[in-house]
Amino acid sequence: MVVIIDPHAAERMAEREAREDEVIATVEQGEQFPAKKGRTGFRRNFPYNADWNGKRYATKQVEVYAIQEDSNWIVVTIITKFF
């Protein structure tokens, strides 16, 4: 399986403080769930212990939305949540 990151998703990663290795790990090892428009969602929590927008958070949750093509996953967007 290959994880391909769409340019739109790469822009969202930069804005939302998600690293490429976290996105790939989320697809490969995260919780999988159905999403809108025939997409698949993946979710995984990572230790964070840092500041985001002036507030300290212990955990970062990465949500990845992807489309499967053959055995590959094309990441179309990502969301991060901090808690």
PDB file of N, CA and C in Angstrom:
ATOM      1  N   MET A   1       0.842  -1.176   0.000  1.00  0.00           N
ATOM      2  CA  MET A   1       0.000   0.000   0.000  1.00  0.00           C
ATOM      3  C   MET A   1       0.886   1.237   0.000  1.00  0.00           C
ATOM      4  N   VAL A   2       0.505   2.194  -0.829  1.00  0.00           N
ATOM      5  CA  VAL A   2       1.198   3.476  -0.898  1.00  0.00           C
ATOM      6  C   VAL A   2       0.207   4.565  -0.503  1.00  0.00           C
ATOM      7  N   VAL A   3       0.658   5.506   0.311  1.00  0.00           N
ATOM      8  CA  VAL A   3      -0.166   6.644   0.709  1.00  0.00           C
ATOM      9  C   VAL A   3       0.323   7.851  -0.090  1.00  0.00           C
ATOM     10  N   ILE A   4      -0.576   8.405  -0.910  1.00  0.00           N
ATOM     11  CA  ILE A   4      -0.261   9.557  -1.763  1.00  0.00           C
ATOM     12  C   ILE A   4      -0.983  10.767  -1.191  1.00  0.00           C
ATOM     13  N   ILE A   5      -0.252  11.852  -0.991  1.00  0.00           N
ATOM     14  CA  ILE A   5      -0.837  13.058  -0.407  1.00  0.00           C
ATOM     15  C   ILE A   5      -1.111  14.075  -1.503  1.00  0.00           C
ATOM     16  N   ASP A   6      -2.389  14.376  -1.715  1.00  0.00           N
ATOM     17  CA  ASP A   6      -2.836  15.359  -2.688  1.00  0.00           C
ATOM     18  C   ASP A   6      -2.310  16.748  -2.292  1.00  0.00           C
ATOM     19  N   PRO A   7      -2.034  17.634  -3.267  1.00  0.00           N
ATOM     20  CA  PRO A   7      -1.544  18.981  -2.928  1.00  0.00           C
ATOM     21  C   PRO A   7      -2.465  19.744  -1.968  1.00  0.00           C
ATOM     22  N   HIS A   8      -3.777  19.589  -2.112  1.00  0.00           N
ATOM     23  CA  HIS A   8      -4.706  20.245  -1.174  1.00  0.00           C
ATOM     24  C   HIS A   8      -4.456  19.744   0.245  1.00  0.00           C
ATOM     25  N   ALA A   9      -4.298  18.440   0.403  1.00  0.00           N
ATOM     26  CA  ALA A   9      -4.058  17.871   1.727  1.00  0.00           C
ATOM     27  C   ALA A   9      -2.724  18.359   2.286  1.00  0.00           C
ATOM     28  N   ALA A  10      -1.724  18.505   1.439  1.00  0.00           N
ATOM     29  CA  ALA A  10      -0.421  19.004   1.893  1.00  0.00           C
ATOM     30  C   ALA A  10      -0.543  20.430   2.434  1.00  0.00           C
ATOM     31  N   GLU A  11      -1.352  21.249   1.789  1.00  0.00           N
ATOM     32  CA  GLU A  11      -1.598  22.617   2.283  1.00  0.00           C
ATOM     33  C   GLU A  11      -2.287  22.577   3.642  1.00  0.00           C
ATOM     34  N   ARG A  12      -3.273  21.717   3.785  1.00  0.00           N
ATOM     35  CA  ARG A  12      -3.975  21.607   5.067  1.00  0.00           C
ATOM     36  C   ARG A  12      -3.030  21.104   6.151  1.00  0.00           C
ATOM     37  N   MET A  13      -2.131  20.191   5.806  1.00  0.00           N
ATOM     38  CA  MET A  13      -1.163  19.687   6.782  1.00  0.00           C
ATOM     39  C   MET A  13      -0.326  20.831   7.340  1.00  0.00           C
ATOM     40  N   ALA A  14       0.141  21.705   6.469  1.00  0.00           N
ATOM     41  CA  ALA A  14       0.971  22.828   6.900  1.00  0.00           C
ATOM     42  C   ALA A  14       0.176  23.774   7.804  1.00  0.00           C
ATOM     43  N   GLU A  15      -1.075  24.038   7.460  1.00  0.00           N
ATOM     44  CA  GLU A  15      -1.920  24.939   8.247  1.00  0.00           C
ATOM     45  C   GLU A  15      -2.298  24.347   9.599  1.00  0.00           C
ATOM     46  N   ARG A  16      -2.439  23.033   9.646  1.00  0.00           N
ATOM     47  CA  ARG A  16      -3.028  22.381  10.822  1.00  0.00           C
ATOM     48  C   ARG A  16      -2.019  21.582  11.634  1.00  0.00           C
ATOM     49  N   GLU A  17      -0.763  21.789  11.361  1.00  0.00           N
ATOM     50  CA  GLU A  17       0.339  21.184  12.102  1.00  0.00           C
ATOM     51  C   GLU A  17       0.276  19.657  12.151  1.00  0.00           C
ATOM     52  N   ALA A  18       0.142  19.058  10.989  1.00  0.00           N
ATOM     53  CA  ALA A  18       0.210  17.601  10.865  1.00  0.00           C
ATOM     54  C   ALA A  18       1.420  17.263  10.013  1.00  0.00           C
ATOM     55  N   ARG A  19       2.232  16.366  10.499  1.00  0.00           N
ATOM     56  CA  ARG A  19       3.428  15.958   9.753  1.00  0.00           C
ATOM     57  C   ARG A  19       3.088  14.793   8.814  1.00  0.00           C
ATOM     58  N   GLU A  20       3.896  14.640   7.776  1.00  0.00           N
ATOM     59  CA  GLU A  20       3.680  13.573   6.804  1.00  0.00           C
ATOM     60  C   GLU A  20       3.718  12.204   7.465  1.00  0.00           C
ATOM     61  N   ASP A  21       4.652  11.980   8.380  1.00  0.00           N
ATOM     62  CA  ASP A  21       4.738  10.678   9.037  1.00  0.00           C
ATOM     63  C   ASP A  21       3.493  10.380   9.870  1.00  0.00           C
ATOM     64  N   GLU A  22       2.888  11.421  10.465  1.00  0.00           N
ATOM     65  CA  GLU A  22       1.652  11.224  11.225  1.00  0.00           C
ATOM     66  C   GLU A  22       0.489  10.864  10.307  1.00  0.00           C
ATOM     67  N   VAL A  23       0.418  11.514   9.154  1.00  0.00           N
ATOM     68  CA  VAL A  23      -0.646  11.230   8.193  1.00  0.00           C
ATOM     69  C   VAL A  23      -0.531   9.788   7.694  1.00  0.00           C
ATOM     70  N   ILE A  24       0.659   9.373   7.352  1.00  0.00           N
ATOM     71  CA  ILE A  24       0.872   8.001   6.865  1.00  0.00           C
ATOM     72  C   ILE A  24       0.548   6.990   7.962  1.00  0.00           C
ATOM     73  N   ALA A  25       1.008   7.243   9.184  1.00  0.00           N
ATOM     74  CA  ALA A  25       0.715   6.333  10.300  1.00  0.00           C
ATOM     75  C   ALA A  25      -0.784   6.262  10.576  1.00  0.00           C
ATOM     76  N   THR A  26      -1.478   7.374  10.402  1.00  0.00           N
ATOM     77  CA  THR A  26      -2.930   7.389  10.618  1.00  0.00           C
ATOM     78  C   THR A  26      -3.628   6.489   9.609  1.00  0.00           C
ATOM     79  N   VAL A  27      -3.218   6.562   8.350  1.00  0.00           N
ATOM     80  CA  VAL A  27      -3.821   5.702   7.319  1.00  0.00           C
ATOM     81  C   VAL A  27      -3.457   4.242   7.566  1.00  0.00           C
ATOM     82  N   GLU A  28      -2.219   3.974   7.903  1.00  0.00           N
ATOM     83  CA  GLU A  28      -1.763   2.592   8.049  1.00  0.00           C
ATOM     84  C   GLU A  28      -2.223   1.929   9.346  1.00  0.00           C
ATOM     85  N   GLN A  29      -2.362   2.708  10.430  1.00  0.00           N
ATOM     86  CA  GLN A  29      -2.608   2.094  11.734  1.00  0.00           C
ATOM     87  C   GLN A  29      -3.786   2.687  12.496  1.00  0.00           C
ATOM     88  N   GLY A  30      -4.423   3.718  11.954  1.00  0.00           N
ATOM     89  CA  GLY A  30      -5.502   4.382  12.675  1.00  0.00           C
ATOM     90  C   GLY A  30      -6.834   3.673  12.561  1.00  0.00           C
ATOM     91  N   GLU A  31      -7.784   4.174  13.327  1.00  0.00           N
ATOM     92  CA  GLU A  31      -9.168   3.696  13.266  1.00  0.00           C
ATOM     93  C   GLU A  31      -9.767   4.122  11.931  1.00  0.00           C
ATOM     94  N   GLN A  32     -10.416   3.201  11.247  1.00  0.00           N
ATOM     95  CA  GLN A  32     -11.007   3.481   9.938  1.00  0.00           C
ATOM     96  C   GLN A  32     -12.523   3.623  10.085  1.00  0.00           C
ATOM     97  N   PHE A  33     -13.117   4.602   9.359  1.00  0.00           N
ATOM     98  CA  PHE A  33     -14.565   4.802   9.424  1.00  0.00           C
ATOM     99  C   PHE A  33     -15.068   5.339   8.084  1.00  0.00           C
ATOM    100  N   PRO A  34     -16.337   5.082   7.752  1.00  0.00           N
ATOM    101  CA  PRO A  34     -16.886   5.589   6.492  1.00  0.00           C
ATOM    102  C   PRO A  34     -17.074   7.104   6.561  1.00  0.00           C
ATOM    103  N   ALA A  35     -16.883   7.767   5.429  1.00  0.00           N
ATOM    104  CA  ALA A  35     -17.040   9.216   5.350  1.00  0.00           C
ATOM    105  C   ALA A  35     -17.922   9.564   4.158  1.00  0.00           C
ATOM    106  N   LYS A  36     -18.263  10.835   4.034  1.00  0.00           N
ATOM    107  CA  LYS A  36     -19.116  11.296   2.937  1.00  0.00           C
ATOM    108  C   LYS A  36     -18.428  11.153   1.585  1.00  0.00           C
ATOM    109  N   LYS A  37     -19.249  11.155   0.539  1.00  0.00           N
ATOM    110  CA  LYS A  37     -18.807  11.156  -0.853  1.00  0.00           C
ATOM    111  C   LYS A  37     -17.934   9.951  -1.204  1.00  0.00           C
ATOM    112  N   GLY A  38     -18.202   8.822  -0.568  1.00  0.00           N
ATOM    113  CA  GLY A  38     -17.470   7.597  -0.888  1.00  0.00           C
ATOM    114  C   GLY A  38     -16.042   7.562  -0.368  1.00  0.00           C
ATOM    115  N   ARG A  39     -15.710   8.476   0.500  1.00  0.00           N
ATOM    116  CA  ARG A  39     -14.359   8.521   1.065  1.00  0.00           C
ATOM    117  C   ARG A  39     -14.282   7.659   2.312  1.00  0.00           C
ATOM    118  N   THR A  40     -13.060   7.436   2.745  1.00  0.00           N
ATOM    119  CA  THR A  40     -12.815   6.702   3.977  1.00  0.00           C
ATOM    120  C   THR A  40     -12.065   7.623   4.925  1.00  0.00           C
ATOM    121  N   GLY A  41     -12.480   7.624   6.174  1.00  0.00           N
ATOM    122  CA  GLY A  41     -11.796   8.407   7.189  1.00  0.00           C
ATOM    123  C   GLY A  41     -10.911   7.519   8.037  1.00  0.00           C
ATOM    124  N   PHE A  42      -9.845   8.106   8.521  1.00  0.00           N
ATOM    125  CA  PHE A  42      -8.919   7.435   9.434  1.00  0.00           C
ATOM    126  C   PHE A  42      -8.649   8.390  10.588  1.00  0.00           C
ATOM    127  N   ARG A  43      -8.518   7.860  11.793  1.00  0.00           N
ATOM    128  CA  ARG A  43      -8.309   8.704  12.964  1.00  0.00           C
ATOM    129  C   ARG A  43      -7.266   8.049  13.862  1.00  0.00           C
ATOM    130  N   ARG A  44      -6.355   8.892  14.372  1.00  0.00           N
ATOM    131  CA  ARG A  44      -5.351   8.384  15.306  1.00  0.00           C
ATOM    132  C   ARG A  44      -4.887   9.520  16.212  1.00  0.00           C
ATOM    133  N   ASN A  45      -4.639   9.188  17.481  1.00  0.00           N
ATOM    134  CA  ASN A  45      -4.131  10.151  18.448  1.00  0.00           C
ATOM    135  C   ASN A  45      -2.623  10.027  18.573  1.00  0.00           C
ATOM    136  N   PHE A  46      -1.969  11.179  18.766  1.00  0.00           N
ATOM    137  CA  PHE A  46      -0.524  11.236  18.947  1.00  0.00           C
ATOM    138  C   PHE A  46      -0.220  12.083  20.179  1.00  0.00           C
ATOM    139  N   PRO A  47       0.824  11.718  20.948  1.00  0.00           N
ATOM    140  CA  PRO A  47       1.254  12.593  22.038  1.00  0.00           C
ATOM    141  C   PRO A  47       1.707  13.923  21.450  1.00  0.00           C
ATOM    142  N   TYR A  48       1.345  15.018  22.079  1.00  0.00           N
ATOM    143  CA  TYR A  48       1.692  16.340  21.547  1.00  0.00           C
ATOM    144  C   TYR A  48       2.515  17.150  22.548  1.00  0.00           C
ATOM    145  N   ASN A  49       1.968  17.373  23.732  1.00  0.00           N
ATOM    146  CA  ASN A  49       2.668  18.095  24.802  1.00  0.00           C
ATOM    147  C   ASN A  49       3.360  19.365  24.323  1.00  0.00           C
ATOM    148  N   ALA A  50       2.597  20.211  23.651  1.00  0.00           N
ATOM    149  CA  ALA A  50       3.132  21.468  23.120  1.00  0.00           C
ATOM    150  C   ALA A  50       2.009  22.497  23.049  1.00  0.00           C
ATOM    151  N   ASP A  51       2.385  23.712  22.662  1.00  0.00           N
ATOM    152  CA  ASP A  51       1.407  24.788  22.530  1.00  0.00           C
ATOM    153  C   ASP A  51       0.865  24.858  21.110  1.00  0.00           C
ATOM    154  N   TRP A  52      -0.424  25.133  21.014  1.00  0.00           N
ATOM    155  CA  TRP A  52      -1.076  25.380  19.730  1.00  0.00           C
ATOM    156  C   TRP A  52      -2.003  26.571  19.940  1.00  0.00           C
ATOM    157  N   ASN A  53      -1.807  27.622  19.173  1.00  0.00           N
ATOM    158  CA  ASN A  53      -2.598  28.848  19.301  1.00  0.00           C
ATOM    159  C   ASN A  53      -2.621  29.378  20.733  1.00  0.00           C
ATOM    160  N   GLY A  54      -1.460  29.341  21.377  1.00  0.00           N
ATOM    161  CA  GLY A  54      -1.323  29.922  22.709  1.00  0.00           C
ATOM    162  C   GLY A  54      -1.830  29.083  23.855  1.00  0.00           C
ATOM    163  N   LYS A  55      -2.212  27.848  23.601  1.00  0.00           N
ATOM    164  CA  LYS A  55      -2.716  26.979  24.659  1.00  0.00           C
ATOM    165  C   LYS A  55      -1.975  25.646  24.608  1.00  0.00           C
ATOM    166  N   ARG A  56      -1.728  25.063  25.767  1.00  0.00           N
ATOM    167  CA  ARG A  56      -0.981  23.805  25.874  1.00  0.00           C
ATOM    168  C   ARG A  56      -1.930  22.614  25.725  1.00  0.00           C
ATOM    169  N   TYR A  57      -1.510  21.633  24.923  1.00  0.00           N
ATOM    170  CA  TYR A  57      -2.302  20.422  24.704  1.00  0.00           C
ATOM    171  C   TYR A  57      -1.413  19.192  24.859  1.00  0.00           C
ATOM    172  N   ALA A  58      -1.977  18.138  25.413  1.00  0.00           N
ATOM    173  CA  ALA A  58      -1.246  16.890  25.606  1.00  0.00           C
ATOM    174  C   ALA A  58      -1.357  15.958  24.403  1.00  0.00           C
ATOM    175  N   THR A  59      -2.462  16.071  23.667  1.00  0.00           N
ATOM    176  CA  THR A  59      -2.747  15.116  22.595  1.00  0.00           C
ATOM    177  C   THR A  59      -3.145  15.843  21.322  1.00  0.00           C
ATOM    178  N   LYS A  60      -2.676  15.305  20.203  1.00  0.00           N
ATOM    179  CA  LYS A  60      -3.103  15.780  18.879  1.00  0.00           C
ATOM    180  C   LYS A  60      -3.786  14.609  18.185  1.00  0.00           C
ATOM    181  N   GLN A  61      -5.002  14.844  17.697  1.00  0.00           N
ATOM    182  CA  GLN A  61      -5.715  13.831  16.934  1.00  0.00           C
ATOM    183  C   GLN A  61      -5.665  14.227  15.459  1.00  0.00           C
ATOM    184  N   VAL A  62      -5.240  13.287  14.637  1.00  0.00           N
ATOM    185  CA  VAL A  62      -5.164  13.516  13.196  1.00  0.00           C
ATOM    186  C   VAL A  62      -6.281  12.706  12.540  1.00  0.00           C
ATOM    187  N   GLU A  63      -7.109  13.393  11.748  1.00  0.00           N
ATOM    188  CA  GLU A  63      -8.133  12.731  10.936  1.00  0.00           C
ATOM    189  C   GLU A  63      -7.740  12.908   9.480  1.00  0.00           C
ATOM    190  N   VAL A  64      -7.725  11.812   8.771  1.00  0.00           N
ATOM    191  CA  VAL A  64      -7.350  11.808   7.356  1.00  0.00           C
ATOM    192  C   VAL A  64      -8.549  11.317   6.561  1.00  0.00           C
ATOM    193  N   TYR A  65      -8.846  12.001   5.463  1.00  0.00           N
ATOM    194  CA  TYR A  65      -9.911  11.566   4.561  1.00  0.00           C
ATOM    195  C   TYR A  65      -9.267  11.215   3.235  1.00  0.00           C
ATOM    196  N   ALA A  66      -9.551   9.994   2.759  1.00  0.00           N
ATOM    197  CA  ALA A  66      -8.840   9.471   1.602  1.00  0.00           C
ATOM    198  C   ALA A  66      -9.766   8.685   0.684  1.00  0.00           C
ATOM    199  N   ILE A  67      -9.279   8.504  -0.537  1.00  0.00           N
ATOM    200  CA  ILE A  67      -9.960   7.701  -1.552  1.00  0.00           C
ATOM    201  C   ILE A  67      -9.029   6.551  -1.905  1.00  0.00           C
ATOM    202  N   GLN A  68      -9.586   5.350  -1.990  1.00  0.00           N
ATOM    203  CA  GLN A  68      -8.756   4.204  -2.352  1.00  0.00           C
ATOM    204  C   GLN A  68      -8.775   4.010  -3.863  1.00  0.00           C
ATOM    205  N   GLU A  69      -7.588   3.894  -4.439  1.00  0.00           N
ATOM    206  CA  GLU A  69      -7.415   3.556  -5.855  1.00  0.00           C
ATOM    207  C   GLU A  69      -6.497   2.358  -5.925  1.00  0.00           C
ATOM    208  N   ASP A  70      -7.041   1.245  -6.377  1.00  0.00           N
ATOM    209  CA  ASP A  70      -6.328  -0.027  -6.362  1.00  0.00           C
ATOM    210  C   ASP A  70      -5.902  -0.305  -4.924  1.00  0.00           C
ATOM    211  N   SER A  71      -4.623  -0.501  -4.683  1.00  0.00           N
ATOM    212  CA  SER A  71      -4.171  -0.754  -3.307  1.00  0.00           C
ATOM    213  C   SER A  71      -3.602   0.506  -2.660  1.00  0.00           C
ATOM    214  N   ASN A  72      -3.725   1.646  -3.323  1.00  0.00           N
ATOM    215  CA  ASN A  72      -3.179   2.896  -2.811  1.00  0.00           C
ATOM    216  C   ASN A  72      -4.263   3.747  -2.172  1.00  0.00           C
ATOM    217  N   TRP A  73      -3.867   4.601  -1.238  1.00  0.00           N
ATOM    218  CA  TRP A  73      -4.762   5.570  -0.628  1.00  0.00           C
ATOM    219  C   TRP A  73      -4.315   6.961  -1.052  1.00  0.00           C
ATOM    220  N   ILE A  74      -5.247   7.756  -1.575  1.00  0.00           N
ATOM    221  CA  ILE A  74      -4.971   9.144  -1.941  1.00  0.00           C
ATOM    222  C   ILE A  74      -5.615  10.022  -0.876  1.00  0.00           C
ATOM    223  N   VAL A  75      -4.791  10.722  -0.126  1.00  0.00           N
ATOM    224  CA  VAL A  75      -5.253  11.590   0.952  1.00  0.00           C
ATOM    225  C   VAL A  75      -5.752  12.883   0.330  1.00  0.00           C
ATOM    226  N   VAL A  76      -7.030  13.216   0.573  1.00  0.00           N
ATOM    227  CA  VAL A  76      -7.608  14.425  -0.028  1.00  0.00           C
ATOM    228  C   VAL A  76      -7.661  15.601   0.949  1.00  0.00           C
ATOM    229  N   THR A  77      -7.762  15.322   2.241  1.00  0.00           N
ATOM    230  CA  THR A  77      -7.689  16.394   3.232  1.00  0.00           C
ATOM    231  C   THR A  77      -7.414  15.812   4.600  1.00  0.00           C
ATOM    232  N   ILE A  78      -7.024  16.678   5.524  1.00  0.00           N
ATOM    233  CA  ILE A  78      -6.769  16.256   6.903  1.00  0.00           C
ATOM    234  C   ILE A  78      -7.344  17.304   7.852  1.00  0.00           C
ATOM    235  N   ILE A  79      -7.636  16.844   9.051  1.00  0.00           N
ATOM    236  CA  ILE A  79      -8.101  17.712  10.128  1.00  0.00           C
ATOM    237  C   ILE A  79      -7.303  17.345  11.374  1.00  0.00           C
ATOM    238  N   THR A  80      -6.940  18.329  12.160  1.00  0.00           N
ATOM    239  CA  THR A  80      -6.311  18.051  13.450  1.00  0.00           C
ATOM    240  C   THR A  80      -7.176  18.606  14.555  1.00  0.00           C
ATOM    241  N   LYS A  81      -7.168  17.916  15.673  1.00  0.00           N
ATOM    242  CA  LYS A  81      -7.860  18.357  16.874  1.00  0.00           C
ATOM    243  C   LYS A  81      -6.868  18.220  18.032  1.00  0.00           C
ATOM    244  N   PHE A  82      -6.901  19.182  18.920  1.00  0.00           N
ATOM    245  CA  PHE A  82      -5.988  19.183  20.049  1.00  0.00           C
ATOM    246  C   PHE A  82      -6.788  19.118  21.349  1.00  0.00           C
ATOM    247  N   PHE A  83      -6.336  18.281  22.257  1.00  0.00           N
ATOM    248  CA  PHE A  83      -6.987  18.204  23.574  1.00  0.00           C
ATOM    249  C   PHE A  83      -6.011  17.688  24.609  1.00  0.00           C
TER     250      PHE A  83
END
